[in-house]
């Protein structure tokens, strides 16, 4: 069985080897194609036979579209409003990029680059070094695709926008944002497959926040909190990424500094988590990770050690068992399996 996956790396502020198309046969991991045309492609998102990417630069922003049927063919690159863009997600005909440095969310039509929305966040948090202003870190559509949620690390808010027919974003009247406990720094989040729960990683306090989600009102309500500080967690540790298995029975989160992957068994319909253990990331600085579509493997982008680690996973216990394959990729910062891989 062959799997396809993609990874991206920082390029030192100039065009260079930054996006990789990879192949994994269950034992060996190899590179099939490389794109060296973008600057600091900090986040990628495969979607069917396309791959979307952002460039993270302080004085501007850009989103790019690749065709991936035969490798990595750059189809288009669009300069956009914003700066320090660090995340991209698709909803219908639009891409939405989160600008960390600029504290804004930008929407464009991916087929032609036409701007469909721009929303500037305002405010700050109690952490003077990291929350001096807004820092939009990630965005995802609601399970029904009618709303866009945006995690802003700088303002300790999870914003919610209604998505108009043309892609323009409007604050959701019932709940334009939910305030995260001060100083937590919301970063990445994931919805349970049943659409009734949202799990949010708080980077600055190394915690996992659980919210119930009422789809009819599109309203979030706090439902629990779990620590990500096990495994001899140092003071400078920073939580990073979060994902669930396709069946929603296990959840995983990564922490840089302790360099661990934390696992939780999801109980009931998703509102309760039970710690299942924590395991090494087989590198330093696990900024990003992803589960293979069949749930057999974890791919971990260890930015600080410049290594992409592929680990096996025990489906019954949820444990991350062992290192299966590894590839050196300097400054690797994002990894994603092709959605149809292993199917």
C-alpha atoms as a PDB file:
ATOM      1  CA  UNK A   1       0.000   0.000   0.000  1.00  0.00           C
ATOM      2  CA  UNK A   2       1.380   3.385  -0.993  1.00  0.00           C
ATOM      3  CA  UNK A   3       0.614   6.663   0.709  1.00  0.00           C
ATOM      4  CA  UNK A   4       1.190  10.186  -0.513  1.00  0.00           C
ATOM      5  CA  UNK A   5       1.866  13.120   1.756  1.00  0.00           C
ATOM      6  CA  UNK A   6       3.157  16.671   1.567  1.00  0.00           C
ATOM      7  CA  UNK A   7       5.467  18.746   3.744  1.00  0.00           C
ATOM      8  CA  UNK A   8       6.591  22.366   3.803  1.00  0.00           C
ATOM      9  CA  UNK A   9       9.591  24.201   5.254  1.00  0.00           C
ATOM     10  CA  UNK A  10      10.787  27.708   5.944  1.00  0.00           C
ATOM     11  CA  UNK A  11      13.224  28.887   3.267  1.00  0.00           C
ATOM     12  CA  UNK A  12      15.167  31.621   5.063  1.00  0.00           C
ATOM     13  CA  UNK A  13      13.186  34.519   3.627  1.00  0.00           C
ATOM     14  CA  UNK A  14      13.954  33.826  -0.026  1.00  0.00           C
ATOM     15  CA  UNK A  15      12.682  31.333  -2.628  1.00  0.00           C
ATOM     16  CA  UNK A  16      14.018  27.848  -1.995  1.00  0.00           C
ATOM     17  CA  UNK A  17      13.133  24.199  -1.497  1.00  0.00           C
ATOM     18  CA  UNK A  18       9.974  24.680   0.539  1.00  0.00           C
ATOM     19  CA  UNK A  19       7.238  22.239  -0.501  1.00  0.00           C
ATOM     20  CA  UNK A  20       7.759  18.509  -0.910  1.00  0.00           C
ATOM     21  CA  UNK A  21       5.620  15.756  -2.415  1.00  0.00           C
ATOM     22  CA  UNK A  22       6.457  12.519  -0.624  1.00  0.00           C
ATOM     23  CA  UNK A  23       5.688   8.826  -0.955  1.00  0.00           C
ATOM     24  CA  UNK A  24       5.540   6.224   1.812  1.00  0.00           C
ATOM     25  CA  UNK A  25       5.116   2.481   1.285  1.00  0.00           C
ATOM     26  CA  UNK A  26       4.701   1.557   4.951  1.00  0.00           C
ATOM     27  CA  UNK A  27       8.448   1.224   5.506  1.00  0.00           C
ATOM     28  CA  UNK A  28      10.353   3.726   3.354  1.00  0.00           C
ATOM     29  CA  UNK A  29       9.749   7.442   2.932  1.00  0.00           C
ATOM     30  CA  UNK A  30      11.062   9.193  -0.167  1.00  0.00           C
ATOM     31  CA  UNK A  31      10.717  12.541  -1.904  1.00  0.00           C
ATOM     32  CA  UNK A  32       8.979  12.545  -5.311  1.00  0.00           C
ATOM     33  CA  UNK A  33       8.988  16.251  -6.166  1.00  0.00           C
ATOM     34  CA  UNK A  34      10.081  19.620  -4.750  1.00  0.00           C
ATOM     35  CA  UNK A  35       8.879  23.176  -5.321  1.00  0.00           C
ATOM     36  CA  UNK A  36      11.490  25.925  -4.837  1.00  0.00           C
ATOM     37  CA  UNK A  37       9.394  28.884  -6.013  1.00  0.00           C
ATOM     38  CA  UNK A  38       7.828  30.135  -2.757  1.00  0.00           C
ATOM     39  CA  UNK A  39       9.170  32.021   0.268  1.00  0.00           C
ATOM     40  CA  UNK A  40       8.565  30.477   3.708  1.00  0.00           C
ATOM     41  CA  UNK A  41       5.532  28.291   2.852  1.00  0.00           C
ATOM     42  CA  UNK A  42       4.639  27.793   6.510  1.00  0.00           C
ATOM     43  CA  UNK A  43       1.342  25.969   5.972  1.00  0.00           C
ATOM     44  CA  UNK A  44      -0.099  23.703   3.290  1.00  0.00           C
ATOM     45  CA  UNK A  45      -3.482  22.073   2.763  1.00  0.00           C
ATOM     46  CA  UNK A  46      -4.057  19.285   0.218  1.00  0.00           C
ATOM     47  CA  UNK A  47      -7.550  19.206  -1.256  1.00  0.00           C
ATOM     48  CA  UNK A  48      -8.383  16.642  -3.928  1.00  0.00           C
ATOM     49  CA  UNK A  49      -5.903  17.049  -6.780  1.00  0.00           C
ATOM     50  CA  UNK A  50      -4.788  20.460  -5.531  1.00  0.00           C
ATOM     51  CA  UNK A  51      -2.587  21.792  -2.766  1.00  0.00           C
ATOM     52  CA  UNK A  52      -3.026  25.218  -1.186  1.00  0.00           C
ATOM     53  CA  UNK A  53      -0.159  27.062   0.521  1.00  0.00           C
ATOM     54  CA  UNK A  54       0.657  30.390   2.171  1.00  0.00           C
ATOM     55  CA  UNK A  55       3.871  32.399   2.336  1.00  0.00           C
ATOM     56  CA  UNK A  56       4.797  33.704   5.781  1.00  0.00           C
ATOM     57  CA  UNK A  57       6.595  37.025   5.315  1.00  0.00           C
ATOM     58  CA  UNK A  58       6.498  40.043   7.631  1.00  0.00           C
ATOM     59  CA  UNK A  59       5.888  42.701   4.979  1.00  0.00           C
ATOM     60  CA  UNK A  60       3.276  40.986   2.857  1.00  0.00           C
ATOM     61  CA  UNK A  61       1.231  37.871   2.239  1.00  0.00           C
ATOM     62  CA  UNK A  62       0.526  35.442  -0.568  1.00  0.00           C
ATOM     63  CA  UNK A  63      -1.457  32.288  -1.206  1.00  0.00           C
ATOM     64  CA  UNK A  64      -0.607  29.685  -3.831  1.00  0.00           C
ATOM     65  CA  UNK A  65      -2.418  26.882  -5.646  1.00  0.00           C
ATOM     66  CA  UNK A  66      -0.703  23.707  -6.902  1.00  0.00           C
ATOM     67  CA  UNK A  67      -1.874  20.851  -9.078  1.00  0.00           C
ATOM     68  CA  UNK A  68      -0.731  17.557  -7.539  1.00  0.00           C
ATOM     69  CA  UNK A  69      -1.914  14.823  -9.886  1.00  0.00           C
ATOM     70  CA  UNK A  70       1.599  14.166 -11.210  1.00  0.00           C
ATOM     71  CA  UNK A  71       3.775  16.026  -8.705  1.00  0.00           C
ATOM     72  CA  UNK A  72       3.891  19.697  -7.715  1.00  0.00           C
ATOM     73  CA  UNK A  73       2.860  22.099 -10.479  1.00  0.00           C
ATOM     74  CA  UNK A  74       2.436  25.714  -9.344  1.00  0.00           C
ATOM     75  CA  UNK A  75      -0.858  26.831 -10.872  1.00  0.00           C
ATOM     76  CA  UNK A  76      -1.113  30.322  -9.390  1.00  0.00           C
ATOM     77  CA  UNK A  77       0.340  32.609  -6.732  1.00  0.00           C
ATOM     78  CA  UNK A  78      -1.763  35.495  -5.430  1.00  0.00           C
ATOM     79  CA  UNK A  79      -0.489  38.422  -3.380  1.00  0.00           C
ATOM     80  CA  UNK A  80      -3.063  39.372  -0.751  1.00  0.00           C
ATOM     81  CA  UNK A  81      -3.639  41.814   2.116  1.00  0.00           C
ATOM     82  CA  UNK A  82      -2.163  40.776   5.452  1.00  0.00           C
ATOM     83  CA  UNK A  83       1.298  39.856   6.721  1.00  0.00           C
ATOM     84  CA  UNK A  84       2.903  36.865   8.360  1.00  0.00           C
ATOM     85  CA  UNK A  85       0.314  34.477   6.951  1.00  0.00           C
ATOM     86  CA  UNK A  86       0.607  31.124   8.742  1.00  0.00           C
ATOM     87  CA  UNK A  87      -2.508  29.089   7.879  1.00  0.00           C
ATOM     88  CA  UNK A  88      -4.918  28.488   5.000  1.00  0.00           C
ATOM     89  CA  UNK A  89      -8.231  26.696   4.718  1.00  0.00           C
ATOM     90  CA  UNK A  90     -10.732  26.274   1.884  1.00  0.00           C
ATOM     91  CA  UNK A  91     -14.465  26.760   2.105  1.00  0.00           C
ATOM     92  CA  UNK A  92     -16.287  26.381  -1.187  1.00  0.00           C
ATOM     93  CA  UNK A  93     -14.732  28.583  -3.870  1.00  0.00           C
ATOM     94  CA  UNK A  94     -12.718  30.620  -1.357  1.00  0.00           C
ATOM     95  CA  UNK A  95      -9.454  30.331   0.515  1.00  0.00           C
ATOM     96  CA  UNK A  96      -9.093  31.988   3.916  1.00  0.00           C
ATOM     97  CA  UNK A  97      -5.612  32.869   5.132  1.00  0.00           C
ATOM     98  CA  UNK A  98      -4.755  33.698   8.755  1.00  0.00           C
ATOM     99  CA  UNK A  99      -2.180  36.475   9.191  1.00  0.00           C
ATOM    100  CA  UNK A 100      -0.235  36.088  12.426  1.00  0.00           C
ATOM    101  CA  UNK A 101       1.831  39.266  12.125  1.00  0.00           C
ATOM    102  CA  UNK A 102      -1.045  41.333  10.758  1.00  0.00           C
ATOM    103  CA  UNK A 103      -3.762  39.942  13.028  1.00  0.00           C
ATOM    104  CA  UNK A 104      -6.241  39.577  10.173  1.00  0.00           C
ATOM    105  CA  UNK A 105      -8.148  37.046   8.070  1.00  0.00           C
ATOM    106  CA  UNK A 106      -8.131  37.316   4.260  1.00  0.00           C
ATOM    107  CA  UNK A 107     -10.466  35.556   1.831  1.00  0.00           C
ATOM    108  CA  UNK A 108      -9.805  35.122  -1.895  1.00  0.00           C
ATOM    109  CA  UNK A 109     -11.383  33.087  -4.683  1.00  0.00           C
ATOM    110  CA  UNK A 110      -8.840  30.358  -5.367  1.00  0.00           C
ATOM    111  CA  UNK A 111      -9.546  30.119  -9.099  1.00  0.00           C
ATOM    112  CA  UNK A 112      -8.612  33.746  -9.887  1.00  0.00           C
ATOM    113  CA  UNK A 113      -7.265  35.375  -6.704  1.00  0.00           C
ATOM    114  CA  UNK A 114     -10.138  37.866  -6.437  1.00  0.00           C
ATOM    115  CA  UNK A 115     -10.421  39.332  -2.931  1.00  0.00           C
ATOM    116  CA  UNK A 116     -13.723  38.369  -1.320  1.00  0.00           C
ATOM    117  CA  UNK A 117     -13.151  39.424   2.306  1.00  0.00           C
ATOM    118  CA  UNK A 118     -10.697  41.056   4.705  1.00  0.00           C
ATOM    119  CA  UNK A 119     -11.237  41.282   8.453  1.00  0.00           C
ATOM    120  CA  UNK A 120      -8.810  43.068  10.774  1.00  0.00           C
ATOM    121  CA  UNK A 121      -8.817  41.996  14.421  1.00  0.00           C
ATOM    122  CA  UNK A 122      -8.178  44.415  17.282  1.00  0.00           C
ATOM    123  CA  UNK A 123      -7.107  44.000  20.899  1.00  0.00           C
ATOM    124  CA  UNK A 124      -4.426  42.359  23.000  1.00  0.00           C
ATOM    125  CA  UNK A 125      -3.871  39.883  25.825  1.00  0.00           C
ATOM    126  CA  UNK A 126      -2.021  39.851  29.156  1.00  0.00           C
ATOM    127  CA  UNK A 127       1.195  38.288  27.808  1.00  0.00           C
ATOM    128  CA  UNK A 128       3.219  41.382  26.871  1.00  0.00           C
ATOM    129  CA  UNK A 129       5.676  39.464  24.664  1.00  0.00           C
ATOM    130  CA  UNK A 130       3.247  37.355  22.665  1.00  0.00           C
ATOM    131  CA  UNK A 131      -0.080  39.186  22.991  1.00  0.00           C
ATOM    132  CA  UNK A 132       0.796  42.826  22.325  1.00  0.00           C
ATOM    133  CA  UNK A 133      -1.742  42.813  19.495  1.00  0.00           C
ATOM    134  CA  UNK A 134      -3.959  40.455  17.472  1.00  0.00           C
ATOM    135  CA  UNK A 135      -2.357  37.332  15.970  1.00  0.00           C
ATOM    136  CA  UNK A 136      -4.738  35.252  13.860  1.00  0.00           C
ATOM    137  CA  UNK A 137      -3.250  31.758  13.892  1.00  0.00           C
ATOM    138  CA  UNK A 138      -5.708  29.412  12.172  1.00  0.00           C
ATOM    139  CA  UNK A 139      -9.194  29.205  10.699  1.00  0.00           C
ATOM    140  CA  UNK A 140     -11.654  26.440   9.870  1.00  0.00           C
ATOM    141  CA  UNK A 141     -15.212  26.334   8.558  1.00  0.00           C
ATOM    142  CA  UNK A 142     -17.994  24.996  10.742  1.00  0.00           C
ATOM    143  CA  UNK A 143     -19.082  21.413   9.972  1.00  0.00           C
ATOM    144  CA  UNK A 144     -21.919  22.704   7.757  1.00  0.00           C
ATOM    145  CA  UNK A 145     -19.647  25.157   5.931  1.00  0.00           C
ATOM    146  CA  UNK A 146     -21.811  28.165   6.798  1.00  0.00           C
ATOM    147  CA  UNK A 147     -19.470  29.796   9.312  1.00  0.00           C
ATOM    148  CA  UNK A 148     -15.734  30.391   9.711  1.00  0.00           C
ATOM    149  CA  UNK A 149     -14.014  30.127  13.098  1.00  0.00           C
ATOM    150  CA  UNK A 150     -10.687  31.929  13.605  1.00  0.00           C
ATOM    151  CA  UNK A 151      -8.329  31.358  16.543  1.00  0.00           C
ATOM    152  CA  UNK A 152      -6.522  34.564  17.510  1.00  0.00           C
ATOM    153  CA  UNK A 153      -3.569  33.974  19.829  1.00  0.00           C
ATOM    154  CA  UNK A 154      -3.055  37.660  20.593  1.00  0.00           C
ATOM    155  CA  UNK A 155      -6.573  38.519  21.744  1.00  0.00           C
ATOM    156  CA  UNK A 156      -7.470  35.200  23.425  1.00  0.00           C
ATOM    157  CA  UNK A 157     -10.527  34.911  21.222  1.00  0.00           C
ATOM    158  CA  UNK A 158     -12.105  32.353  18.956  1.00  0.00           C
ATOM    159  CA  UNK A 159     -13.898  34.519  16.387  1.00  0.00           C
ATOM    160  CA  UNK A 160     -16.908  33.374  14.380  1.00  0.00           C
ATOM    161  CA  UNK A 161     -17.973  34.748  11.004  1.00  0.00           C
ATOM    162  CA  UNK A 162     -20.943  34.036   8.781  1.00  0.00           C
ATOM    163  CA  UNK A 163     -19.855  33.238   5.219  1.00  0.00           C
ATOM    164  CA  UNK A 164     -21.961  35.079   2.626  1.00  0.00           C
ATOM    165  CA  UNK A 165     -22.689  33.559  -0.794  1.00  0.00           C
ATOM    166  CA  UNK A 166     -19.785  35.482  -2.357  1.00  0.00           C
ATOM    167  CA  UNK A 167     -17.351  34.505   0.406  1.00  0.00           C
ATOM    168  CA  UNK A 168     -17.481  37.759   2.389  1.00  0.00           C
ATOM    169  CA  UNK A 169     -17.212  37.346   6.161  1.00  0.00           C
ATOM    170  CA  UNK A 170     -19.603  38.974   8.650  1.00  0.00           C
ATOM    171  CA  UNK A 171     -19.458  38.674  12.464  1.00  0.00           C
ATOM    172  CA  UNK A 172     -21.932  36.032  13.623  1.00  0.00           C
ATOM    173  CA  UNK A 173     -24.656  37.931  15.447  1.00  0.00           C
ATOM    174  CA  UNK A 174     -25.375  35.297  18.088  1.00  0.00           C
ATOM    175  CA  UNK A 175     -21.703  34.882  19.022  1.00  0.00           C
ATOM    176  CA  UNK A 176     -19.122  37.022  17.157  1.00  0.00           C
ATOM    177  CA  UNK A 177     -16.427  35.514  19.389  1.00  0.00           C
ATOM    178  CA  UNK A 178     -15.944  33.457  22.507  1.00  0.00           C
ATOM    179  CA  UNK A 179     -13.350  34.665  24.984  1.00  0.00           C
ATOM    180  CA  UNK A 180     -10.684  32.103  25.874  1.00  0.00           C
ATOM    181  CA  UNK A 181      -9.293  32.317  29.457  1.00  0.00           C
ATOM    182  CA  UNK A 182      -6.735  35.171  29.543  1.00  0.00           C
ATOM    183  CA  UNK A 183      -3.155  34.453  28.552  1.00  0.00           C
ATOM    184  CA  UNK A 184      -3.880  31.035  27.012  1.00  0.00           C
ATOM    185  CA  UNK A 185      -3.093  31.954  23.394  1.00  0.00           C
ATOM    186  CA  UNK A 186      -5.466  29.898  21.169  1.00  0.00           C
ATOM    187  CA  UNK A 187      -3.596  28.372  18.228  1.00  0.00           C
ATOM    188  CA  UNK A 188      -5.126  25.392  16.345  1.00  0.00           C
ATOM    189  CA  UNK A 189      -8.432  23.564  16.781  1.00  0.00           C
ATOM    190  CA  UNK A 190     -10.391  20.610  15.440  1.00  0.00           C
ATOM    191  CA  UNK A 191     -14.048  19.602  15.284  1.00  0.00           C
ATOM    192  CA  UNK A 192     -15.213  16.145  16.302  1.00  0.00           C
ATOM    193  CA  UNK A 193     -16.516  14.168  13.282  1.00  0.00           C
ATOM    194  CA  UNK A 194     -20.047  14.352  14.735  1.00  0.00           C
ATOM    195  CA  UNK A 195     -19.856  18.167  14.576  1.00  0.00           C
ATOM    196  CA  UNK A 196     -20.903  18.674  18.209  1.00  0.00           C
ATOM    197  CA  UNK A 197     -17.539  19.388  19.871  1.00  0.00           C
ATOM    198  CA  UNK A 198     -14.566  21.650  19.225  1.00  0.00           C
ATOM    199  CA  UNK A 199     -11.103  21.046  20.714  1.00  0.00           C
ATOM    200  CA  UNK A 200      -8.749  24.031  20.961  1.00  0.00           C
ATOM    201  CA  UNK A 201      -5.012  23.971  21.700  1.00  0.00           C
ATOM    202  CA  UNK A 202      -3.877  26.900  23.870  1.00  0.00           C
ATOM    203  CA  UNK A 203      -0.229  27.469  22.984  1.00  0.00           C
ATOM    204  CA  UNK A 204       0.941  29.698  25.834  1.00  0.00           C
ATOM    205  CA  UNK A 205      -0.442  27.669  28.753  1.00  0.00           C
ATOM    206  CA  UNK A 206      -0.123  24.197  27.196  1.00  0.00           C
ATOM    207  CA  UNK A 207      -3.720  23.224  27.619  1.00  0.00           C
ATOM    208  CA  UNK A 208      -6.522  21.720  25.577  1.00  0.00           C
ATOM    209  CA  UNK A 209      -9.901  23.429  25.813  1.00  0.00           C
ATOM    210  CA  UNK A 210     -13.138  21.612  24.939  1.00  0.00           C
ATOM    211  CA  UNK A 211     -16.269  23.420  23.740  1.00  0.00           C
ATOM    212  CA  UNK A 212     -19.697  22.063  22.980  1.00  0.00           C
ATOM    213  CA  UNK A 213     -21.076  23.252  19.658  1.00  0.00           C
ATOM    214  CA  UNK A 214     -24.736  23.891  18.954  1.00  0.00           C
ATOM    215  CA  UNK A 215     -25.055  23.849  15.139  1.00  0.00           C
ATOM    216  CA  UNK A 216     -28.566  25.314  15.005  1.00  0.00           C
ATOM    217  CA  UNK A 217     -27.429  28.501  16.741  1.00  0.00           C
ATOM    218  CA  UNK A 218     -23.748  28.104  15.819  1.00  0.00           C
ATOM    219  CA  UNK A 219     -22.746  28.830  19.405  1.00  0.00           C
ATOM    220  CA  UNK A 220     -19.820  27.473  21.452  1.00  0.00           C
ATOM    221  CA  UNK A 221     -19.947  26.820  25.195  1.00  0.00           C
ATOM    222  CA  UNK A 222     -17.005  25.864  27.457  1.00  0.00           C
ATOM    223  CA  UNK A 223     -17.137  22.184  28.396  1.00  0.00           C
ATOM    224  CA  UNK A 224     -13.750  21.204  29.832  1.00  0.00           C
ATOM    225  CA  UNK A 225      -9.995  21.663  29.998  1.00  0.00           C
ATOM    226  CA  UNK A 226      -7.055  19.233  29.930  1.00  0.00           C
ATOM    227  CA  UNK A 227      -3.366  19.750  30.652  1.00  0.00           C
ATOM    228  CA  UNK A 228      -0.622  19.206  28.070  1.00  0.00           C
ATOM    229  CA  UNK A 229       2.175  19.549  30.614  1.00  0.00           C
ATOM    230  CA  UNK A 230       3.157  15.938  31.280  1.00  0.00           C
ATOM    231  CA  UNK A 231       6.424  14.320  30.246  1.00  0.00           C
ATOM    232  CA  UNK A 232       8.783  16.656  32.171  1.00  0.00           C
ATOM    233  CA  UNK A 233       7.392  19.726  30.440  1.00  0.00           C
ATOM    234  CA  UNK A 234       9.869  22.664  30.596  1.00  0.00           C
ATOM    235  CA  UNK A 235       8.630  26.221  31.316  1.00  0.00           C
ATOM    236  CA  UNK A 236       9.321  27.320  27.729  1.00  0.00           C
ATOM    237  CA  UNK A 237       7.171  24.566  26.189  1.00  0.00           C
ATOM    238  CA  UNK A 238       4.569  25.627  23.604  1.00  0.00           C
ATOM    239  CA  UNK A 239       1.576  23.562  22.480  1.00  0.00           C
ATOM    240  CA  UNK A 240       1.116  23.448  18.723  1.00  0.00           C
ATOM    241  CA  UNK A 241      -1.210  21.151  16.789  1.00  0.00           C
ATOM    242  CA  UNK A 242      -4.323  19.003  17.345  1.00  0.00           C
ATOM    243  CA  UNK A 243      -6.071  16.259  15.339  1.00  0.00           C
ATOM    244  CA  UNK A 244      -8.618  13.482  15.807  1.00  0.00           C
ATOM    245  CA  UNK A 245      -8.839  10.084  14.209  1.00  0.00           C
ATOM    246  CA  UNK A 246     -11.409   9.792  11.427  1.00  0.00           C
ATOM    247  CA  UNK A 247     -13.747   7.883  13.727  1.00  0.00           C
ATOM    248  CA  UNK A 248     -13.326  10.454  16.500  1.00  0.00           C
ATOM    249  CA  UNK A 249     -12.305   7.876  19.117  1.00  0.00           C
ATOM    250  CA  UNK A 250      -8.846   9.363  19.827  1.00  0.00           C
ATOM    251  CA  UNK A 251      -7.445  12.885  19.916  1.00  0.00           C
ATOM    252  CA  UNK A 252      -3.775  13.937  19.728  1.00  0.00           C
ATOM    253  CA  UNK A 253      -1.933  17.194  20.451  1.00  0.00           C
ATOM    254  CA  UNK A 254       1.725  18.149  20.049  1.00  0.00           C
ATOM    255  CA  UNK A 255       3.916  20.209  22.376  1.00  0.00           C
ATOM    256  CA  UNK A 256       7.233  21.803  21.449  1.00  0.00           C
ATOM    257  CA  UNK A 257       9.839  21.983  24.178  1.00  0.00           C
ATOM    258  CA  UNK A 258       8.806  18.757  25.856  1.00  0.00           C
ATOM    259  CA  UNK A 259       8.676  17.380  22.279  1.00  0.00           C
ATOM    260  CA  UNK A 260       5.799  15.067  23.040  1.00  0.00           C
ATOM    261  CA  UNK A 261       2.629  13.854  21.394  1.00  0.00           C
ATOM    262  CA  UNK A 262      -0.255  13.700  23.876  1.00  0.00           C
ATOM    263  CA  UNK A 263      -3.079  11.243  23.309  1.00  0.00           C
ATOM    264  CA  UNK A 264      -6.633  11.174  24.680  1.00  0.00           C
ATOM    265  CA  UNK A 265      -9.392   8.624  24.315  1.00  0.00           C
ATOM    266  CA  UNK A 266     -12.652  10.339  23.421  1.00  0.00           C
ATOM    267  CA  UNK A 267     -15.519   9.187  25.603  1.00  0.00           C
ATOM    268  CA  UNK A 268     -19.238   9.153  24.860  1.00  0.00           C
ATOM    269  CA  UNK A 269     -20.261  11.517  22.102  1.00  0.00           C
ATOM    270  CA  UNK A 270     -17.065  13.598  22.481  1.00  0.00           C
ATOM    271  CA  UNK A 271     -17.504  15.804  25.534  1.00  0.00           C
ATOM    272  CA  UNK A 272     -15.134  13.901  27.807  1.00  0.00           C
ATOM    273  CA  UNK A 273     -11.495  12.952  27.250  1.00  0.00           C
ATOM    274  CA  UNK A 274      -9.417  10.379  29.078  1.00  0.00           C
ATOM    275  CA  UNK A 275      -5.597  10.663  28.900  1.00  0.00           C
ATOM    276  CA  UNK A 276      -4.173   7.755  26.926  1.00  0.00           C
ATOM    277  CA  UNK A 277      -0.482   8.625  27.337  1.00  0.00           C
ATOM    278  CA  UNK A 278       2.211  10.811  25.831  1.00  0.00           C
ATOM    279  CA  UNK A 279       5.046   9.782  23.559  1.00  0.00           C
ATOM    280  CA  UNK A 280       8.210  11.288  22.061  1.00  0.00           C
ATOM    281  CA  UNK A 281       7.942  13.128  18.750  1.00  0.00           C
ATOM    282  CA  UNK A 282      11.260  11.538  17.631  1.00  0.00           C
ATOM    283  CA  UNK A 283      12.708  14.990  17.037  1.00  0.00           C
ATOM    284  CA  UNK A 284      12.694  18.538  18.379  1.00  0.00           C
ATOM    285  CA  UNK A 285       9.900  21.061  17.950  1.00  0.00           C
ATOM    286  CA  UNK A 286       6.828  19.129  16.681  1.00  0.00           C
ATOM    287  CA  UNK A 287       5.144  22.173  15.135  1.00  0.00           C
ATOM    288  CA  UNK A 288       2.795  20.093  12.972  1.00  0.00           C
ATOM    289  CA  UNK A 289       1.613  16.505  12.722  1.00  0.00           C
ATOM    290  CA  UNK A 290      -1.072  14.601  10.867  1.00  0.00           C
ATOM    291  CA  UNK A 291      -2.788  11.217  11.027  1.00  0.00           C
ATOM    292  CA  UNK A 292      -2.898   9.022   7.944  1.00  0.00           C
ATOM    293  CA  UNK A 293      -6.460   8.610   6.621  1.00  0.00           C
ATOM    294  CA  UNK A 294      -6.541   4.966   7.740  1.00  0.00           C
ATOM    295  CA  UNK A 295      -5.248   5.911  11.200  1.00  0.00           C
ATOM    296  CA  UNK A 296      -2.219   3.603  11.029  1.00  0.00           C
ATOM    297  CA  UNK A 297       0.510   6.263  11.076  1.00  0.00           C
ATOM    298  CA  UNK A 298       1.408   9.686  12.464  1.00  0.00           C
ATOM    299  CA  UNK A 299       3.604  12.033  10.422  1.00  0.00           C
ATOM    300  CA  UNK A 300       5.383  14.603  12.623  1.00  0.00           C
ATOM    301  CA  UNK A 301       7.127  17.762  11.374  1.00  0.00           C
ATOM    302  CA  UNK A 302       9.904  18.438  13.909  1.00  0.00           C
ATOM    303  CA  UNK A 303      10.952  21.958  12.947  1.00  0.00           C
ATOM    304  CA  UNK A 304      13.869  22.444  15.340  1.00  0.00           C
ATOM    305  CA  UNK A 305      15.621  19.196  14.405  1.00  0.00           C
ATOM    306  CA  UNK A 306      14.695  19.522  10.719  1.00  0.00           C
ATOM    307  CA  UNK A 307      13.229  16.040  10.544  1.00  0.00           C
ATOM    308  CA  UNK A 308      10.008  14.453   9.352  1.00  0.00           C
ATOM    309  CA  UNK A 309       9.180  11.407  11.475  1.00  0.00           C
ATOM    310  CA  UNK A 310       6.642   8.713  10.561  1.00  0.00           C
ATOM    311  CA  UNK A 311       5.415   6.616  13.490  1.00  0.00           C
ATOM    312  CA  UNK A 312       3.103   3.641  13.723  1.00  0.00           C
ATOM    313  CA  UNK A 313      -0.056   3.863  15.824  1.00  0.00           C
ATOM    314  CA  UNK A 314      -1.871   1.227  17.865  1.00  0.00           C
ATOM    315  CA  UNK A 315      -5.538   1.537  16.919  1.00  0.00           C
ATOM    316  CA  UNK A 316      -6.788  -0.195  20.069  1.00  0.00           C
ATOM    317  CA  UNK A 317      -4.813   1.716  22.719  1.00  0.00           C
ATOM    318  CA  UNK A 318      -4.108   4.861  20.728  1.00  0.00           C
ATOM    319  CA  UNK A 319      -0.394   4.593  21.537  1.00  0.00           C
ATOM    320  CA  UNK A 320       2.219   6.012  19.175  1.00  0.00           C
ATOM    321  CA  UNK A 321       4.299   2.846  18.985  1.00  0.00           C
ATOM    322  CA  UNK A 322       7.575   3.311  17.152  1.00  0.00           C
ATOM    323  CA  UNK A 323       9.507   5.278  14.569  1.00  0.00           C
ATOM    324  CA  UNK A 324       8.991   3.656  11.154  1.00  0.00           C
ATOM    325  CA  UNK A 325      10.706   6.112   8.792  1.00  0.00           C
ATOM    326  CA  UNK A 326      12.497   9.454   8.951  1.00  0.00           C
ATOM    327  CA  UNK A 327      13.568  12.092   6.438  1.00  0.00           C
ATOM    328  CA  UNK A 328      15.810  15.137   6.902  1.00  0.00           C
ATOM    329  CA  UNK A 329      13.973  18.336   5.861  1.00  0.00           C
ATOM    330  CA  UNK A 330      15.561  21.543   7.224  1.00  0.00           C
ATOM    331  CA  UNK A 331      13.067  23.819   9.023  1.00  0.00           C
ATOM    332  CA  UNK A 332      10.127  21.533   8.216  1.00  0.00           C
ATOM    333  CA  UNK A 333       7.026  23.183   9.676  1.00  0.00           C
ATOM    334  CA  UNK A 334       3.934  21.496   8.222  1.00  0.00           C
ATOM    335  CA  UNK A 335       2.966  17.990   7.120  1.00  0.00           C
ATOM    336  CA  UNK A 336      -0.276  16.692   5.602  1.00  0.00           C
ATOM    337  CA  UNK A 337      -1.304  13.313   4.249  1.00  0.00           C
ATOM    338  CA  UNK A 338      -3.121  13.275   0.939  1.00  0.00           C
ATOM    339  CA  UNK A 339      -6.763  12.777   1.966  1.00  0.00           C
ATOM    340  CA  UNK A 340      -7.238   9.700  -0.241  1.00  0.00           C
ATOM    341  CA  UNK A 341      -3.932   8.113   0.772  1.00  0.00           C
ATOM    342  CA  UNK A 342      -4.178   4.526   1.883  1.00  0.00           C
ATOM    343  CA  UNK A 343      -7.867   4.329   0.978  1.00  0.00           C
END
